Amino acid sequence: MKKMDINAVFVATCLAAFVGCLFMGIIAKYPIALAPGMGLNAFFAFTVVLTMGIPWQTALTGVLFRCDFCNPYINRFT
């Protein structure tokens, strides 16, 4: 099983938080920090991958599916 490079994961998390916060402040004009939303990373790493034993590639595909395909339907009906 391949492991993720810890430095690459750290940098990717920091960049995702920075870009998300920047877009929310400048483009959406709704200055809310999105870094607290990175809690999904902890759920993904500790619960899905370590506890359930699902390979990180499969779990990441599940997160992608949930974010890209389920969010539009959830947001439409709330």
N, C-alpha and C. Protein backbone atom coordinates (compact mmCIF):
# COMPACT_ATOMS: atom_id res chain seq x y z
N MET A 1 0.84 -1.18 0.00
CA MET A 1 0.00 0.00 0.00
C MET A 1 0.88 1.24 0.00
N LYS A 2 0.61 2.16 -0.90
CA LYS A 2 1.38 3.40 -0.96
C LYS A 2 0.96 4.33 0.17
N LYS A 3 1.93 5.04 0.71
CA LYS A 3 1.63 6.02 1.75
C LYS A 3 1.72 7.41 1.15
N MET A 4 0.97 8.33 1.71
CA MET A 4 1.02 9.72 1.27
C MET A 4 2.22 10.40 1.90
N ASP A 5 2.90 11.23 1.14
CA ASP A 5 4.03 11.99 1.64
C ASP A 5 3.53 13.04 2.64
N ILE A 6 4.02 13.00 3.87
CA ILE A 6 3.53 13.88 4.92
C ILE A 6 3.75 15.35 4.60
N ASN A 7 4.87 15.68 3.97
CA ASN A 7 5.13 17.07 3.62
C ASN A 7 4.17 17.55 2.53
N ALA A 8 3.88 16.69 1.57
CA ALA A 8 2.95 17.06 0.51
C ALA A 8 1.54 17.25 1.06
N VAL A 9 1.14 16.40 1.99
CA VAL A 9 -0.18 16.53 2.60
C VAL A 9 -0.27 17.81 3.41
N PHE A 10 0.77 18.15 4.14
CA PHE A 10 0.80 19.37 4.93
C PHE A 10 0.67 20.60 4.04
N VAL A 11 1.46 20.64 2.97
CA VAL A 11 1.42 21.79 2.06
C VAL A 11 0.07 21.88 1.36
N ALA A 12 -0.47 20.75 0.92
CA ALA A 12 -1.77 20.76 0.24
C ALA A 12 -2.88 21.26 1.16
N THR A 13 -2.85 20.86 2.42
CA THR A 13 -3.85 21.32 3.38
C THR A 13 -3.73 22.82 3.61
N CYS A 14 -2.52 23.31 3.77
CA CYS A 14 -2.31 24.75 3.97
C CYS A 14 -2.76 25.55 2.76
N LEU A 15 -2.41 25.08 1.56
CA LEU A 15 -2.80 25.79 0.35
C LEU A 15 -4.32 25.77 0.14
N ALA A 16 -4.95 24.65 0.45
CA ALA A 16 -6.41 24.58 0.30
C ALA A 16 -7.11 25.54 1.25
N ALA A 17 -6.63 25.62 2.48
CA ALA A 17 -7.22 26.56 3.45
C ALA A 17 -6.99 28.00 3.00
N PHE A 18 -5.79 28.30 2.51
CA PHE A 18 -5.47 29.66 2.07
C PHE A 18 -6.33 30.06 0.88
N VAL A 19 -6.41 29.22 -0.12
CA VAL A 19 -7.17 29.54 -1.33
C VAL A 19 -8.67 29.65 -1.01
N GLY A 20 -9.17 28.75 -0.18
CA GLY A 20 -10.58 28.82 0.20
C GLY A 20 -10.91 30.10 0.94
N CYS A 21 -10.07 30.49 1.88
CA CYS A 21 -10.29 31.73 2.63
C CYS A 21 -10.18 32.94 1.72
N LEU A 22 -9.21 32.92 0.82
CA LEU A 22 -9.01 34.03 -0.11
C LEU A 22 -10.22 34.19 -1.03
N PHE A 23 -10.71 33.09 -1.59
CA PHE A 23 -11.88 33.16 -2.47
C PHE A 23 -13.11 33.64 -1.72
N MET A 24 -13.31 33.15 -0.51
CA MET A 24 -14.48 33.58 0.27
C MET A 24 -14.43 35.07 0.57
N GLY A 25 -13.23 35.59 0.85
CA GLY A 25 -13.12 37.01 1.18
C GLY A 25 -13.18 37.92 -0.02
N ILE A 26 -12.52 37.56 -1.10
CA ILE A 26 -12.41 38.46 -2.24
C ILE A 26 -13.55 38.24 -3.25
N ILE A 27 -13.79 37.03 -3.64
CA ILE A 27 -14.77 36.77 -4.70
C ILE A 27 -16.20 36.73 -4.15
N ALA A 28 -16.41 36.00 -3.07
CA ALA A 28 -17.76 35.86 -2.53
C ALA A 28 -18.15 37.03 -1.64
N LYS A 29 -17.20 37.83 -1.23
CA LYS A 29 -17.44 38.97 -0.32
C LYS A 29 -18.12 38.51 0.97
N TYR A 30 -17.70 37.33 1.41
CA TYR A 30 -18.25 36.73 2.64
C TYR A 30 -17.06 36.23 3.45
N PRO A 31 -16.41 37.13 4.19
CA PRO A 31 -15.12 36.80 4.82
C PRO A 31 -15.22 35.85 6.00
N ILE A 32 -15.38 34.58 5.70
CA ILE A 32 -15.40 33.55 6.73
C ILE A 32 -14.24 32.61 6.46
N ALA A 33 -13.47 32.35 7.48
CA ALA A 33 -12.32 31.46 7.32
C ALA A 33 -12.82 30.03 7.12
N LEU A 34 -12.26 29.35 6.14
CA LEU A 34 -12.67 27.99 5.84
C LEU A 34 -11.75 26.94 6.45
N ALA A 35 -10.70 27.36 7.12
CA ALA A 35 -9.77 26.40 7.70
C ALA A 35 -10.44 25.49 8.74
N PRO A 36 -11.40 25.98 9.55
CA PRO A 36 -12.06 25.05 10.47
C PRO A 36 -12.80 23.92 9.76
N GLY A 37 -13.16 24.11 8.51
CA GLY A 37 -13.80 23.06 7.74
C GLY A 37 -12.87 21.92 7.39
N MET A 38 -11.61 22.04 7.75
CA MET A 38 -10.64 20.99 7.48
C MET A 38 -10.81 19.81 8.43
N GLY A 39 -11.84 19.86 9.26
CA GLY A 39 -12.14 18.73 10.15
C GLY A 39 -12.45 17.46 9.38
N LEU A 40 -12.87 17.63 8.12
CA LEU A 40 -13.10 16.47 7.27
C LEU A 40 -11.82 15.68 7.08
N ASN A 41 -10.68 16.38 7.10
CA ASN A 41 -9.39 15.69 6.99
C ASN A 41 -9.17 14.73 8.16
N ALA A 42 -9.52 15.17 9.36
CA ALA A 42 -9.34 14.32 10.54
C ALA A 42 -10.27 13.11 10.47
N PHE A 43 -11.51 13.33 10.07
CA PHE A 43 -12.44 12.21 9.93
C PHE A 43 -11.92 11.23 8.89
N PHE A 44 -11.48 11.76 7.78
CA PHE A 44 -10.96 10.94 6.68
C PHE A 44 -9.77 10.11 7.14
N ALA A 45 -8.81 10.76 7.82
CA ALA A 45 -7.57 10.07 8.19
C ALA A 45 -7.78 9.06 9.32
N PHE A 46 -8.45 9.47 10.38
CA PHE A 46 -8.50 8.63 11.57
C PHE A 46 -9.64 7.63 11.56
N THR A 47 -10.81 8.04 11.10
CA THR A 47 -11.96 7.14 11.15
C THR A 47 -12.01 6.22 9.95
N VAL A 48 -11.98 6.80 8.76
CA VAL A 48 -12.18 6.00 7.56
C VAL A 48 -10.96 5.15 7.24
N VAL A 49 -9.78 5.76 7.24
CA VAL A 49 -8.59 5.03 6.81
C VAL A 49 -8.02 4.16 7.93
N LEU A 50 -7.78 4.74 9.10
CA LEU A 50 -7.12 3.97 10.16
C LEU A 50 -8.07 3.00 10.87
N THR A 51 -9.26 3.45 11.23
CA THR A 51 -10.17 2.60 11.99
C THR A 51 -10.86 1.56 11.11
N MET A 52 -11.38 2.00 9.97
CA MET A 52 -12.13 1.10 9.10
C MET A 52 -11.24 0.31 8.16
N GLY A 53 -9.99 0.74 8.00
CA GLY A 53 -9.05 0.01 7.18
C GLY A 53 -9.25 0.16 5.68
N ILE A 54 -9.99 1.19 5.27
CA ILE A 54 -10.21 1.42 3.84
C ILE A 54 -8.97 2.12 3.27
N PRO A 55 -8.49 1.70 2.10
CA PRO A 55 -7.32 2.37 1.52
C PRO A 55 -7.61 3.85 1.27
N TRP A 56 -6.59 4.70 1.44
CA TRP A 56 -6.82 6.14 1.35
C TRP A 56 -7.29 6.55 -0.04
N GLN A 57 -6.91 5.81 -1.08
CA GLN A 57 -7.36 6.15 -2.43
C GLN A 57 -8.88 5.98 -2.56
N THR A 58 -9.40 4.90 -2.00
CA THR A 58 -10.83 4.64 -2.05
C THR A 58 -11.60 5.64 -1.19
N ALA A 59 -11.08 5.93 -0.01
CA ALA A 59 -11.75 6.88 0.88
C ALA A 59 -11.76 8.28 0.27
N LEU A 60 -10.70 8.67 -0.39
CA LEU A 60 -10.64 9.98 -1.02
C LEU A 60 -11.64 10.08 -2.17
N THR A 61 -11.85 8.98 -2.87
CA THR A 61 -12.87 8.95 -3.92
C THR A 61 -14.26 9.14 -3.31
N GLY A 62 -14.49 8.56 -2.16
CA GLY A 62 -15.77 8.75 -1.47
C GLY A 62 -15.99 10.19 -1.05
N VAL A 63 -14.95 10.84 -0.57
CA VAL A 63 -15.05 12.25 -0.19
C VAL A 63 -15.34 13.10 -1.43
N LEU A 64 -14.68 12.81 -2.53
CA LEU A 64 -14.91 13.54 -3.77
C LEU A 64 -16.35 13.37 -4.23
N PHE A 65 -16.87 12.14 -4.18
CA PHE A 65 -18.25 11.89 -4.57
C PHE A 65 -19.21 12.67 -3.70
N ARG A 66 -18.98 12.65 -2.41
CA ARG A 66 -19.87 13.34 -1.48
C ARG A 66 -19.87 14.84 -1.73
N CYS A 67 -18.70 15.41 -1.95
CA CYS A 67 -18.61 16.86 -2.14
C CYS A 67 -19.14 17.31 -3.50
N ASP A 68 -18.81 16.59 -4.56
CA ASP A 68 -19.16 17.04 -5.90
C ASP A 68 -20.57 16.66 -6.33
N PHE A 69 -21.07 15.52 -5.88
CA PHE A 69 -22.35 15.06 -6.37
C PHE A 69 -23.49 15.23 -5.37
N CYS A 70 -23.20 15.16 -4.09
CA CYS A 70 -24.27 15.24 -3.10
C CYS A 70 -24.54 16.68 -2.65
N ASN A 71 -23.54 17.52 -2.57
CA ASN A 71 -23.75 18.88 -2.09
C ASN A 71 -24.75 19.67 -2.91
N PRO A 72 -24.73 19.62 -4.25
CA PRO A 72 -25.74 20.40 -4.98
C PRO A 72 -27.17 20.00 -4.63
N TYR A 73 -27.42 18.71 -4.41
CA TYR A 73 -28.76 18.27 -4.06
C TYR A 73 -29.12 18.63 -2.62
N ILE A 74 -28.16 18.54 -1.73
CA ILE A 74 -28.40 18.92 -0.34
C ILE A 74 -28.70 20.41 -0.25
N ASN A 75 -27.91 21.22 -0.94
CA ASN A 75 -28.10 22.67 -0.90
C ASN A 75 -29.38 23.11 -1.59
N ARG A 76 -29.84 22.37 -2.56
CA ARG A 76 -31.06 22.74 -3.29
C ARG A 76 -32.28 22.60 -2.39
N PHE A 77 -32.30 21.61 -1.52
CA PHE A 77 -33.49 21.33 -0.73
C PHE A 77 -33.42 21.85 0.70
N THR A 78 -32.41 22.63 1.02
CA THR A 78 -32.34 23.19 2.38
C THR A 78 -32.55 24.67 2.37
